[in-house]
PDB file of N, CA and C in Angstrom:
ATOM      1  N   MET A   1       0.993  -0.720   0.087  1.00  0.00           N
ATOM      2  CA  MET A   1      -0.084  -0.044   0.033  1.00  0.00           C
ATOM      3  C   MET A   1       0.876   1.334  -0.334  1.00  0.00           C
ATOM      4  N   MET A   2       1.822   0.930   0.381  1.00  0.00           N
ATOM      5  CA  MET A   2       3.147   2.711   1.003  1.00  0.00           C
ATOM      6  C   MET A   2       3.315   2.456  -0.751  1.00  0.00           C
ATOM      7  N   MET A   3       3.616   1.784  -1.564  1.00  0.00           N
ATOM      8  CA  MET A   3       4.239   1.482  -3.048  1.00  0.00           C
ATOM      9  C   MET A   3       3.416   2.124  -3.504  1.00  0.00           C
ATOM     10  N   ASP A   4       2.436   1.673  -3.897  1.00  0.00           N
ATOM     11  CA  ASP A   4       1.140   1.882  -4.242  1.00  0.00           C
ATOM     12  C   ASP A   4       0.845   4.154  -4.109  1.00  0.00           C
ATOM     13  N   ALA A   5       0.874   3.932  -2.568  1.00  0.00           N
ATOM     14  CA  ALA A   5       0.366   5.413  -2.189  1.00  0.00           C
ATOM     15  C   ALA A   5       2.001   6.461  -2.597  1.00  0.00           C
ATOM     16  N   THR A   6       2.952   5.966  -2.659  1.00  0.00           N
ATOM     17  CA  THR A   6       4.183   6.674  -3.472  1.00  0.00           C
ATOM     18  C   THR A   6       4.203   6.898  -4.791  1.00  0.00           C
ATOM     19  N   PHE A   7       3.900   5.881  -5.010  1.00  0.00           N
ATOM     20  CA  PHE A   7       3.585   5.535  -6.756  1.00  0.00           C
ATOM     21  C   PHE A   7       2.456   6.870  -7.408  1.00  0.00           C
ATOM     22  N   SER A   8       1.986   6.691  -6.962  1.00  0.00           N
ATOM     23  CA  SER A   8       0.307   7.630  -6.731  1.00  0.00           C
ATOM     24  C   SER A   8       1.186   9.223  -6.639  1.00  0.00           C
ATOM     25  N   ALA A   9       1.612   9.465  -5.232  1.00  0.00           N
ATOM     26  CA  ALA A   9       1.916  10.984  -5.531  1.00  0.00           C
ATOM     27  C   ALA A   9       2.742  11.499  -6.454  1.00  0.00           C
ATOM     28  N   VAL A  10       3.643  10.672  -6.873  1.00  0.00           N
ATOM     29  CA  VAL A  10       5.208  11.137  -8.023  1.00  0.00           C
ATOM     30  C   VAL A  10       4.032  10.786  -9.415  1.00  0.00           C
ATOM     31  N   TYR A  11       3.069  10.415  -9.752  1.00  0.00           N
ATOM     32  CA  TYR A  11       2.195  10.414 -10.487  1.00  0.00           C
ATOM     33  C   TYR A  11       1.727  11.897 -11.070  1.00  0.00           C
ATOM     34  N   ASN A  12       1.077  11.691  -9.697  1.00  0.00           N
ATOM     35  CA  ASN A  12      -0.133  13.714  -9.655  1.00  0.00           C
ATOM     36  C   ASN A  12       1.093  14.383  -9.955  1.00  0.00           C
ATOM     37  N   SER A  13       2.034  14.361  -9.261  1.00  0.00           N
ATOM     38  CA  SER A  13       2.661  15.377  -8.954  1.00  0.00           C
ATOM     39  C   SER A  13       3.311  15.713 -10.247  1.00  0.00           C
ATOM     40  N   PHE A  14       4.038  14.707 -10.993  1.00  0.00           N
ATOM     41  CA  PHE A  14       4.456  15.092 -11.802  1.00  0.00           C
ATOM     42  C   PHE A  14       3.086  15.332 -13.128  1.00  0.00           C
ATOM     43  N   ARG A  15       1.387  15.112 -13.271  1.00  0.00           N
ATOM     44  CA  ARG A  15       0.864  16.088 -13.498  1.00  0.00           C
ATOM     45  C   ARG A  15       0.455  17.032 -13.632  1.00  0.00           C
ATOM     46  N   ALA A  16       0.610  17.605 -11.890  1.00  0.00           N
ATOM     47  CA  ALA A  16       0.369  18.965 -12.319  1.00  0.00           C
ATOM     48  C   ALA A  16       1.864  19.394 -12.732  1.00  0.00           C
ATOM     49  N   VAL A  17       2.996  19.058 -13.346  1.00  0.00           N
ATOM     50  CA  VAL A  17       3.949  19.437 -13.897  1.00  0.00           C
ATOM     51  C   VAL A  17       3.647  20.289 -14.932  1.00  0.00           C
ATOM     52  N   LEU A  18       3.066  18.791 -16.321  1.00  0.00           N
ATOM     53  CA  LEU A  18       3.107  19.245 -16.947  1.00  0.00           C
ATOM     54  C   LEU A  18       1.506  19.660 -17.417  1.00  0.00           C
ATOM     55  N   ASP A  19       1.104  20.393 -16.491  1.00  0.00           N
ATOM     56  CA  ASP A  19      -0.718  20.400 -16.447  1.00  0.00           C
ATOM     57  C   ASP A  19       0.293  21.889 -16.340  1.00  0.00           C
ATOM     58  N   VAL A  20       0.956  22.720 -15.526  1.00  0.00           N
ATOM     59  CA  VAL A  20       1.254  23.714 -15.147  1.00  0.00           C
ATOM     60  C   VAL A  20       1.691  24.325 -16.791  1.00  0.00           C
ATOM     61  N   ALA A  21       2.973  23.080 -17.372  1.00  0.00           N
ATOM     62  CA  ALA A  21       3.413  23.221 -18.933  1.00  0.00           C
ATOM     63  C   ALA A  21       2.419  23.750 -20.095  1.00  0.00           C
ATOM     64  N   ASN A  22       1.150  23.087 -19.452  1.00  0.00           N
ATOM     65  CA  ASN A  22       0.648  23.484 -20.588  1.00  0.00           C
ATOM     66  C   ASN A  22      -0.734  24.635 -20.118  1.00  0.00           C
ATOM     67  N   HIS A  23      -1.143  24.681 -19.675  1.00  0.00           N
ATOM     68  CA  HIS A  23      -1.366  26.613 -19.187  1.00  0.00           C
ATOM     69  C   HIS A  23      -0.496  27.347 -19.629  1.00  0.00           C
ATOM     70  N   PHE A  24       0.906  27.135 -19.105  1.00  0.00           N
ATOM     71  CA  PHE A  24       2.195  27.949 -20.029  1.00  0.00           C
ATOM     72  C   PHE A  24       1.451  28.373 -20.942  1.00  0.00           C
ATOM     73  N   SER A  25       1.470  26.981 -21.503  1.00  0.00           N
ATOM     74  CA  SER A  25       1.738  27.182 -23.321  1.00  0.00           C
ATOM     75  C   SER A  25       0.001  27.700 -24.312  1.00  0.00           C
ATOM     76  N   ARG A  26      -0.831  27.585 -23.179  1.00  0.00           N
ATOM     77  CA  ARG A  26      -1.914  28.058 -23.173  1.00  0.00           C
ATOM     78  C   ARG A  26      -1.792  30.028 -23.270  1.00  0.00           C
ATOM     79  N   LEU A  27      -1.194  30.031 -22.325  1.00  0.00           N
ATOM     80  CA  LEU A  27      -1.393  31.362 -22.531  1.00  0.00           C
ATOM     81  C   LEU A  27       0.114  32.124 -22.889  1.00  0.00           C
ATOM     82  N   LYS A  28       0.925  32.092 -22.949  1.00  0.00           N
ATOM     83  CA  LYS A  28       1.789  32.295 -24.523  1.00  0.00           C
ATOM     84  C   LYS A  28       0.645  32.116 -26.096  1.00  0.00           C
ATOM     85  N   ILE A  29       0.064  31.446 -26.018  1.00  0.00           N
ATOM     86  CA  ILE A  29      -1.329  31.587 -27.737  1.00  0.00           C
ATOM     87  C   ILE A  29      -1.089  32.417 -27.255  1.00  0.00           C
ATOM     88  N   HIS A  30      -1.916  32.650 -25.739  1.00  0.00           N
ATOM     89  CA  HIS A  30      -3.177  34.228 -26.229  1.00  0.00           C
ATOM     90  C   HIS A  30      -2.753  35.087 -25.532  1.00  0.00           C
ATOM     91  N   PHE A  31      -1.588  35.632 -25.346  1.00  0.00           N
ATOM     92  CA  PHE A  31      -0.807  36.708 -25.455  1.00  0.00           C
ATOM     93  C   PHE A  31      -0.425  37.370 -26.420  1.00  0.00           C
ATOM     94  N   THR A  32       0.003  35.898 -27.812  1.00  0.00           N
ATOM     95  CA  THR A  32       0.379  36.484 -29.281  1.00  0.00           C
ATOM     96  C   THR A  32      -1.002  36.579 -29.203  1.00  0.00           C
ATOM     97  N   LYS A  33      -1.789  36.248 -29.657  1.00  0.00           N
ATOM     98  CA  LYS A  33      -3.099  36.795 -29.990  1.00  0.00           C
ATOM     99  C   LYS A  33      -3.263  38.300 -29.849  1.00  0.00           C
ATOM    100  N   VAL A  34      -3.454  38.835 -28.523  1.00  0.00           N
ATOM    101  CA  VAL A  34      -3.449  40.326 -27.900  1.00  0.00           C
ATOM    102  C   VAL A  34      -2.854  40.588 -28.824  1.00  0.00           C
ATOM    103  N   PHE A  35      -1.386  40.835 -28.605  1.00  0.00           N
ATOM    104  CA  PHE A  35      -0.408  40.873 -29.340  1.00  0.00           C
ATOM    105  C   PHE A  35      -0.588  41.030 -30.557  1.00  0.00           C
ATOM    106  N   SER A  36      -1.431  40.621 -31.312  1.00  0.00           N
ATOM    107  CA  SER A  36      -1.281  41.025 -33.188  1.00  0.00           C
ATOM    108  C   SER A  36      -1.789  41.629 -32.818  1.00  0.00           C
ATOM    109  N   ALA A  37      -3.144  41.791 -32.252  1.00  0.00           N
ATOM    110  CA  ALA A  37      -4.455  42.631 -32.546  1.00  0.00           C
ATOM    111  C   ALA A  37      -3.993  44.368 -32.083  1.00  0.00           C
ATOM    112  N   PHE A  38      -2.575  43.863 -31.413  1.00  0.00           N
ATOM    113  CA  PHE A  38      -2.363  45.376 -30.975  1.00  0.00           C
ATOM    114  C   PHE A  38      -1.692  46.111 -32.230  1.00  0.00           C
ATOM    115  N   ALA A  39      -1.348  44.612 -33.122  1.00  0.00           N
ATOM    116  CA  ALA A  39      -0.225  45.069 -34.440  1.00  0.00           C
ATOM    117  C   ALA A  39      -1.287  45.233 -35.207  1.00  0.00           C
ATOM    118  N   LEU A  40      -2.864  44.571 -35.722  1.00  0.00           N
ATOM    119  CA  LEU A  40      -3.366  45.275 -36.384  1.00  0.00           C
ATOM    120  C   LEU A  40      -3.472  46.661 -36.313  1.00  0.00           C
ATOM    121  N   VAL A  41      -4.008  46.988 -35.077  1.00  0.00           N
ATOM    122  CA  VAL A  41      -4.618  47.878 -34.831  1.00  0.00           C
ATOM    123  C   VAL A  41      -3.655  49.457 -35.367  1.00  0.00           C
ATOM    124  N   ARG A  42      -2.504  49.019 -35.311  1.00  0.00           N
ATOM    125  CA  ARG A  42      -1.197  49.832 -35.015  1.00  0.00           C
ATOM    126  C   ARG A  42      -1.248  50.564 -36.475  1.00  0.00           C
ATOM    127  N   THR A  43      -0.921  49.122 -37.729  1.00  0.00           N
ATOM    128  CA  THR A  43      -1.307  49.162 -38.892  1.00  0.00           C
ATOM    129  C   THR A  43      -2.437  49.583 -39.507  1.00  0.00           C
ATOM    130  N   ILE A  44      -3.286  49.165 -38.939  1.00  0.00           N
ATOM    131  CA  ILE A  44      -4.196  50.309 -39.993  1.00  0.00           C
ATOM    132  C   ILE A  44      -4.308  51.935 -39.424  1.00  0.00           C
ATOM    133  N   ARG A  45      -4.053  51.504 -38.784  1.00  0.00           N
ATOM    134  CA  ARG A  45      -3.760  53.548 -38.526  1.00  0.00           C
ATOM    135  C   ARG A  45      -2.934  53.639 -39.047  1.00  0.00           C
ATOM    136  N   TYR A  46      -1.594  53.317 -38.755  1.00  0.00           N
ATOM    137  CA  TYR A  46      -0.753  53.506 -39.814  1.00  0.00           C
ATOM    138  C   TYR A  46      -0.903  54.241 -41.721  1.00  0.00           C
ATOM    139  N   LEU A  47      -2.192  52.728 -41.688  1.00  0.00           N
ATOM    140  CA  LEU A  47      -2.143  53.360 -43.200  1.00  0.00           C
ATOM    141  C   LEU A  47      -3.167  54.598 -43.358  1.00  0.00           C
ATOM    142  N   TYR A  48      -3.829  53.903 -42.610  1.00  0.00           N
ATOM    143  CA  TYR A  48      -4.671  55.771 -42.737  1.00  0.00           C
ATOM    144  C   TYR A  48      -4.424  56.300 -42.319  1.00  0.00           C
ATOM    145  N   ARG A  49      -2.936  57.087 -41.734  1.00  0.00           N
ATOM    146  CA  ARG A  49      -2.573  58.759 -41.496  1.00  0.00           C
ATOM    147  C   ARG A  49      -2.170  58.495 -42.925  1.00  0.00           C
ATOM    148  N   ARG A  50      -0.752  57.700 -43.271  1.00  0.00           N
ATOM    149  CA  ARG A  50      -0.589  57.816 -44.166  1.00  0.00           C
ATOM    150  C   ARG A  50      -1.354  57.826 -46.462  1.00  0.00           C
ATOM    151  N   LEU A  51      -2.727  57.696 -46.070  1.00  0.00           N
ATOM    152  CA  LEU A  51      -3.844  57.956 -47.194  1.00  0.00           C
ATOM    153  C   LEU A  51      -3.352  59.051 -46.316  1.00  0.00           C
ATOM    154  N   GLN A  52      -3.775  59.418 -45.241  1.00  0.00           N
ATOM    155  CA  GLN A  52      -4.295  60.956 -45.593  1.00  0.00           C
ATOM    156  C   GLN A  52      -3.323  62.451 -45.761  1.00  0.00           C
ATOM    157  N   TRP A  53      -2.394  61.797 -45.881  1.00  0.00           N
ATOM    158  CA  TRP A  53      -0.630  62.673 -46.885  1.00  0.00           C
ATOM    159  C   TRP A  53      -0.678  61.946 -47.435  1.00  0.00           C
ATOM    160  N   MET A  54      -1.053  61.619 -48.210  1.00  0.00           N
ATOM    161  CA  MET A  54      -1.299  60.817 -50.147  1.00  0.00           C
ATOM    162  C   MET A  54      -2.094  62.063 -50.728  1.00  0.00           C
ATOM    163  N   ILE A  55      -3.818  62.203 -49.847  1.00  0.00           N
ATOM    164  CA  ILE A  55      -4.621  62.432 -49.990  1.00  0.00           C
ATOM    165  C   ILE A  55      -4.469  64.711 -49.888  1.00  0.00           C
ATOM    166  N   GLY A  56      -3.166  64.982 -49.031  1.00  0.00           N
ATOM    167  CA  GLY A  56      -3.133  65.643 -49.422  1.00  0.00           C
ATOM    168  C   GLY A  56      -4.131  66.460 -47.784  1.00  0.00           C
ATOM    169  N   LEU A  57      -4.553  65.597 -46.973  1.00  0.00           N
ATOM    170  CA  LEU A  57      -5.881  65.735 -45.821  1.00  0.00           C
ATOM    171  C   LEU A  57      -4.527  66.463 -44.837  1.00  0.00           C
ATOM    172  N   ARG A  58      -3.369  65.617 -44.797  1.00  0.00           N
ATOM    173  CA  ARG A  58      -2.569  65.733 -43.597  1.00  0.00           C
ATOM    174  C   ARG A  58      -1.191  66.654 -44.247  1.00  0.00           C
ATOM    175  N   ARG A  59      -0.226  67.284 -43.289  1.00  0.00           N
ATOM    176  CA  ARG A  59       0.415  67.732 -44.309  1.00  0.00           C
ATOM    177  C   ARG A  59       2.190  67.580 -43.727  1.00  0.00           C
ATOM    178  N   ASP A  60       1.903  67.650 -42.305  1.00  0.00           N
ATOM    179  CA  ASP A  60       3.323  66.477 -41.614  1.00  0.00           C
ATOM    180  C   ASP A  60       3.511  65.133 -41.560  1.00  0.00           C
ATOM    181  N   SER A  61       4.777  64.600 -41.655  1.00  0.00           N
ATOM    182  CA  SER A  61       5.035  62.927 -42.241  1.00  0.00           C
ATOM    183  C   SER A  61       4.658  62.213 -41.083  1.00  0.00           C
ATOM    184  N   GLU A  62       4.652  61.125 -40.744  1.00  0.00           N
ATOM    185  CA  GLU A  62       4.325  60.216 -39.876  1.00  0.00           C
ATOM    186  C   GLU A  62       6.095  60.424 -38.958  1.00  0.00           C
ATOM    187  N   ASN A  63       7.487  60.418 -39.344  1.00  0.00           N
ATOM    188  CA  ASN A  63       8.597  60.977 -39.371  1.00  0.00           C
ATOM    189  C   ASN A  63       8.304  61.904 -37.845  1.00  0.00           C
ATOM    190  N   GLU A  64       8.200  63.003 -38.540  1.00  0.00           N
ATOM    191  CA  GLU A  64       7.749  64.310 -38.187  1.00  0.00           C
ATOM    192  C   GLU A  64       6.922  64.123 -36.829  1.00  0.00           C
ATOM    193  N   ASP A  65       5.765  63.296 -36.746  1.00  0.00           N
ATOM    194  CA  ASP A  65       5.124  62.930 -35.290  1.00  0.00           C
ATOM    195  C   ASP A  65       6.189  62.370 -34.895  1.00  0.00           C
ATOM    196  N   LEU A  66       6.938  60.666 -35.221  1.00  0.00           N
ATOM    197  CA  LEU A  66       7.710  60.478 -33.803  1.00  0.00           C
ATOM    198  C   LEU A  66       8.497  61.261 -33.113  1.00  0.00           C
ATOM    199  N   TRP A  67       8.805  62.583 -33.963  1.00  0.00           N
ATOM    200  CA  TRP A  67      10.163  62.406 -33.895  1.00  0.00           C
ATOM    201  C   TRP A  67       9.745  63.728 -32.649  1.00  0.00           C
ATOM    202  N   ALA A  68       8.913  65.077 -33.012  1.00  0.00           N
ATOM    203  CA  ALA A  68       8.320  65.374 -31.872  1.00  0.00           C
ATOM    204  C   ALA A  68       7.194  64.757 -30.435  1.00  0.00           C
ATOM    205  N   GLU A  69       7.264  63.118 -30.489  1.00  0.00           N
ATOM    206  CA  GLU A  69       6.434  62.345 -29.498  1.00  0.00           C
ATOM    207  C   GLU A  69       8.220  62.415 -29.102  1.00  0.00           C
ATOM    208  N   SER A  70       9.276  61.995 -29.885  1.00  0.00           N
ATOM    209  CA  SER A  70       9.957  61.497 -28.509  1.00  0.00           C
ATOM    210  C   SER A  70      10.552  62.772 -27.952  1.00  0.00           C
ATOM    211  N   GLU A  71      10.625  63.935 -29.049  1.00  0.00           N
ATOM    212  CA  GLU A  71      11.239  65.590 -28.285  1.00  0.00           C
ATOM    213  C   GLU A  71      10.908  65.711 -26.666  1.00  0.00           C
ATOM    214  N   GLY A  72       9.512  65.593 -26.651  1.00  0.00           N
ATOM    215  CA  GLY A  72       8.760  66.229 -25.644  1.00  0.00           C
ATOM    216  C   GLY A  72       8.858  64.706 -24.168  1.00  0.00           C
ATOM    217  N   THR A  73       9.316  63.606 -25.042  1.00  0.00           N
ATOM    218  CA  THR A  73       9.576  62.516 -23.904  1.00  0.00           C
ATOM    219  C   THR A  73      10.829  62.723 -23.702  1.00  0.00           C
ATOM    220  N   VAL A  74      11.141  63.154 -24.302  1.00  0.00           N
ATOM    221  CA  VAL A  74      12.838  64.039 -23.712  1.00  0.00           C
ATOM    222  C   VAL A  74      13.648  65.130 -22.937  1.00  0.00           C
ATOM    223  N   ALA A  75      12.274  65.576 -23.245  1.00  0.00           N
ATOM    224  CA  ALA A  75      12.285  67.330 -22.470  1.00  0.00           C
ATOM    225  C   ALA A  75      11.897  67.210 -21.244  1.00  0.00           C
ATOM    226  N   CYS A  76      10.672  66.153 -20.683  1.00  0.00           N
ATOM    227  CA  CYS A  76      10.046  65.684 -19.602  1.00  0.00           C
ATOM    228  C   CYS A  76      10.926  64.686 -18.715  1.00  0.00           C
ATOM    229  N   LEU A  77      12.634  64.550 -18.880  1.00  0.00           N
ATOM    230  CA  LEU A  77      13.456  63.337 -18.042  1.00  0.00           C
ATOM    231  C   LEU A  77      13.845  64.683 -17.041  1.00  0.00           C
ATOM    232  N   GLY A  78      13.855  64.877 -15.860  1.00  0.00           N
ATOM    233  CA  GLY A  78      14.248  66.067 -14.687  1.00  0.00           C
ATOM    234  C   GLY A  78      15.197  65.098 -14.083  1.00  0.00           C
ATOM    235  N   ALA A  79      15.564  66.428 -12.659  1.00  0.00           N
ATOM    236  CA  ALA A  79      16.173  65.982 -11.810  1.00  0.00           C
ATOM    237  C   ALA A  79      15.874  64.455 -11.248  1.00  0.00           C
ATOM    238  N   GLU A  80      14.097  64.482 -10.764  1.00  0.00           N
ATOM    239  CA  GLU A  80      14.061  63.394 -10.188  1.00  0.00           C
ATOM    240  C   GLU A  80      13.492  62.470 -10.832  1.00  0.00           C
ATOM    241  N   ASP A  81      13.058  62.321 -12.410  1.00  0.00           N
ATOM    242  CA  ASP A  81      13.447  61.161 -12.611  1.00  0.00           C
ATOM    243  C   ASP A  81      14.703  60.067 -12.910  1.00  0.00           C
ATOM    244  N   ARG A  82      16.101  61.721 -12.698  1.00  0.00           N
ATOM    245  CA  ARG A  82      17.686  60.882 -12.861  1.00  0.00           C
ATOM    246  C   ARG A  82      17.948  60.299 -11.340  1.00  0.00           C
ATOM    247  N   ALA A  83      16.886  60.587 -10.915  1.00  0.00           N
ATOM    248  CA  ALA A  83      17.374  60.303  -9.883  1.00  0.00           C
ATOM    249  C   ALA A  83      16.481  59.122  -9.454  1.00  0.00           C
ATOM    250  N   THR A  84      15.448  58.869  -9.749  1.00  0.00           N
ATOM    251  CA  THR A  84      14.326  57.403  -9.776  1.00  0.00           C
ATOM    252  C   THR A  84      15.508  56.208 -10.066  1.00  0.00           C
ATOM    253  N   ASN A  85      15.906  56.757 -11.586  1.00  0.00           N
ATOM    254  CA  ASN A  85      16.702  55.723 -12.291  1.00  0.00           C
ATOM    255  C   ASN A  85      17.910  54.975 -11.819  1.00  0.00           C
ATOM    256  N   SER A  86      19.265  55.501 -10.838  1.00  0.00           N
ATOM    257  CA  SER A  86      20.426  55.430 -10.433  1.00  0.00           C
ATOM    258  C   SER A  86      19.558  54.428  -8.877  1.00  0.00           C
ATOM    259  N   ALA A  87      18.578  55.111  -8.547  1.00  0.00           N
ATOM    260  CA  ALA A  87      18.083  54.148  -7.342  1.00  0.00           C
ATOM    261  C   ALA A  87      17.585  53.076  -7.422  1.00  0.00           C
ATOM    262  N   LYS A  88      17.826  52.148  -8.687  1.00  0.00           N
ATOM    263  CA  LYS A  88      17.274  50.536  -9.337  1.00  0.00           C
ATOM    264  C   LYS A  88      18.612  49.871  -8.725  1.00  0.00           C
ATOM    265  N   SER A  89      19.301  50.211  -8.508  1.00  0.00           N
ATOM    266  CA  SER A  89      20.675  49.316  -8.227  1.00  0.00           C
ATOM    267  C   SER A  89      19.699  48.240  -6.882  1.00  0.00           C
ATOM    268  N   TRP A  90      19.101  48.813  -6.548  1.00  0.00           N
ATOM    269  CA  TRP A  90      19.039  47.818  -4.997  1.00  0.00           C
ATOM    270  C   TRP A  90      18.502  45.995  -5.452  1.00  0.00           C
ATOM    271  N   PRO A  91      17.896  45.792  -6.394  1.00  0.00           N
ATOM    272  CA  PRO A  91      18.099  44.311  -6.770  1.00  0.00           C
ATOM    273  C   PRO A  91      19.642  43.885  -6.496  1.00  0.00           C
ATOM    274  N   ILE A  92      20.686  43.924  -7.311  1.00  0.00           N
ATOM    275  CA  ILE A  92      22.015  43.898  -7.549  1.00  0.00           C
ATOM    276  C   ILE A  92      22.404  43.812  -6.172  1.00  0.00           C
ATOM    277  N   PHE A  93      21.867  44.338  -5.245  1.00  0.00           N
ATOM    278  CA  PHE A  93      22.519  44.371  -4.098  1.00  0.00           C
ATOM    279  C   PHE A  93      21.777  42.912  -3.088  1.00  0.00           C
ATOM    280  N   LEU A  94      20.657  43.405  -2.821  1.00  0.00           N
ATOM    281  CA  LEU A  94      19.758  42.463  -2.488  1.00  0.00           C
ATOM    282  C   LEU A  94      19.947  40.461  -3.127  1.00  0.00           C
ATOM    283  N   PHE A  95      20.520  40.438  -4.476  1.00  0.00           N
ATOM    284  CA  PHE A  95      20.940  39.762  -5.328  1.00  0.00           C
ATOM    285  C   PHE A  95      22.543  38.748  -4.221  1.00  0.00           C
ATOM    286  N   PHE A  96      23.542  39.769  -4.329  1.00  0.00           N
ATOM    287  CA  PHE A  96      24.325  39.320  -3.508  1.00  0.00           C
ATOM    288  C   PHE A  96      24.528  38.936  -2.042  1.00  0.00           C
ATOM    289  N   ALA A  97      23.284  40.068  -1.488  1.00  0.00           N
ATOM    290  CA  ALA A  97      23.195  39.507   0.066  1.00  0.00           C
ATOM    291  C   ALA A  97      23.132  37.811  -0.036  1.00  0.00           C
ATOM    292  N   VAL A  98      22.177  38.070  -0.925  1.00  0.00           N
ATOM    293  CA  VAL A  98      21.974  36.220  -0.521  1.00  0.00           C
ATOM    294  C   VAL A  98      22.342  35.831  -1.662  1.00  0.00           C
ATOM    295  N   ILE A  99      22.934  36.266  -2.023  1.00  0.00           N
ATOM    296  CA  ILE A  99      23.933  34.409  -2.852  1.00  0.00           C
ATOM    297  C   ILE A  99      25.329  34.505  -1.777  1.00  0.00           C
ATOM    298  N   LEU A 100      25.686  36.228  -0.752  1.00  0.00           N
ATOM    299  CA  LEU A 100      26.673  35.338   0.546  1.00  0.00           C
ATOM    300  C   LEU A 100      26.129  35.823   1.861  1.00  0.00           C
ATOM    301  N   GLY A 101      24.933  35.835   1.709  1.00  0.00           N
ATOM    302  CA  GLY A 101      25.028  35.827   3.188  1.00  0.00           C
ATOM    303  C   GLY A 101      23.852  34.926   3.586  1.00  0.00           C
ATOM    304  N   GLY A 102      23.840  34.010   2.324  1.00  0.00           N
ATOM    305  CA  GLY A 102      22.975  32.369   2.683  1.00  0.00           C
ATOM    306  C   GLY A 102      23.089  31.851   3.407  1.00  0.00           C
ATOM    307  N   PRO A 103      24.845  31.104   2.678  1.00  0.00           N
ATOM    308  CA  PRO A 103      25.870  30.574   3.294  1.00  0.00           C
ATOM    309  C   PRO A 103      26.675  30.431   4.025  1.00  0.00           C
ATOM    310  N   TYR A 104      26.669  31.779   4.448  1.00  0.00           N
ATOM    311  CA  TYR A 104      27.999  32.307   5.557  1.00  0.00           C
ATOM    312  C   TYR A 104      26.486  32.554   7.176  1.00  0.00           C
ATOM    313  N   LEU A 105      25.395  32.391   6.572  1.00  0.00           N
ATOM    314  CA  LEU A 105      24.510  32.201   7.946  1.00  0.00           C
ATOM    315  C   LEU A 105      23.995  30.776   7.842  1.00  0.00           C
ATOM    316  N   ILE A 106      24.659  29.460   6.922  1.00  0.00           N
ATOM    317  CA  ILE A 106      24.424  28.305   7.343  1.00  0.00           C
ATOM    318  C   ILE A 106      25.390  27.851   7.782  1.00  0.00           C
ATOM    319  N   TRP A 107      26.404  28.391   7.783  1.00  0.00           N
ATOM    320  CA  TRP A 107      28.122  28.047   8.611  1.00  0.00           C
ATOM    321  C   TRP A 107      28.165  28.232   9.502  1.00  0.00           C
ATOM    322  N   LYS A 108      27.182  29.876   9.727  1.00  0.00           N
ATOM    323  CA  LYS A 108      27.627  30.099  10.617  1.00  0.00           C
ATOM    324  C   LYS A 108      26.852  28.771  12.379  1.00  0.00           C
ATOM    325  N   LEU A 109      25.544  28.425  11.296  1.00  0.00           N
ATOM    326  CA  LEU A 109      25.061  27.823  11.911  1.00  0.00           C
ATOM    327  C   LEU A 109      24.705  26.611  12.249  1.00  0.00           C
ATOM    328  N   LEU A 110      25.885  25.911  11.555  1.00  0.00           N
ATOM    329  CA  LEU A 110      26.556  24.960  11.507  1.00  0.00           C
ATOM    330  C   LEU A 110      27.470  24.461  12.273  1.00  0.00           C
ATOM    331  N   SER A 111      28.113  25.916  12.051  1.00  0.00           N
ATOM    332  CA  SER A 111      29.528  25.811  13.306  1.00  0.00           C
ATOM    333  C   SER A 111      29.017  26.087  14.238  1.00  0.00           C
ATOM    334  N   THR A 112      27.784  26.872  14.933  1.00  0.00           N
ATOM    335  CA  THR A 112      27.691  26.500  16.208  1.00  0.00           C
ATOM    336  C   THR A 112      27.251  24.924  17.209  1.00  0.00           C
ATOM    337  N   HIS A 113      26.310  24.512  15.571  1.00  0.00           N
ATOM    338  CA  HIS A 113      25.904  23.260  15.978  1.00  0.00           C
ATOM    339  C   HIS A 113      26.505  22.183  16.517  1.00  0.00           C
ATOM    340  N   SER A 114      27.535  22.264  15.879  1.00  0.00           N
ATOM    341  CA  SER A 114      29.246  21.556  15.646  1.00  0.00           C
ATOM    342  C   SER A 114      29.500  21.744  17.089  1.00  0.00           C
ATOM    343  N   ASP A 115      30.212  23.264  17.647  1.00  0.00           N
ATOM    344  CA  ASP A 115      30.299  23.053  18.970  1.00  0.00           C
ATOM    345  C   ASP A 115      29.658  22.741  20.524  1.00  0.00           C
ATOM    346  N   GLU A 116      28.190  22.581  19.836  1.00  0.00           N
ATOM    347  CA  GLU A 116      27.561  22.443  21.300  1.00  0.00           C
ATOM    348  C   GLU A 116      27.649  20.513  21.291  1.00  0.00           C
ATOM    349  N   VAL A 117      28.040  19.955  19.983  1.00  0.00           N
ATOM    350  CA  VAL A 117      27.798  18.293  19.948  1.00  0.00           C
ATOM    351  C   VAL A 117      29.414  18.278  20.632  1.00  0.00           C
ATOM    352  N   THR A 118      30.463  18.823  20.228  1.00  0.00           N
ATOM    353  CA  THR A 118      30.788  18.382  21.178  1.00  0.00           C
ATOM    354  C   THR A 118      32.134  18.817  22.328  1.00  0.00           C
TER     355      THR A 118
END
């Protein structure tokens, strides 16, 4: 009975892992469909603007719109934006703290346990 229970537990956990992988593949397909819909909307918008430019209803081109948009984005960068960009290095410090601190704490705990035993 123990072997049967162990087999059932291993089989069920393996099936759970396969189901998670299946859900991730479905999620990828769903995101692909959503992003392709966004690309379709952008393409239709581009074709509409291009048609307006060819007819003469619109004088400026798409390139000028993009340059104006990027110029506005760069102009919005201020001192507080630069300060927040420089403060994003804390995940690196946290990573190194876990990488170096974890083994150190384990070593300290094991060394105090071995001192008590002797």
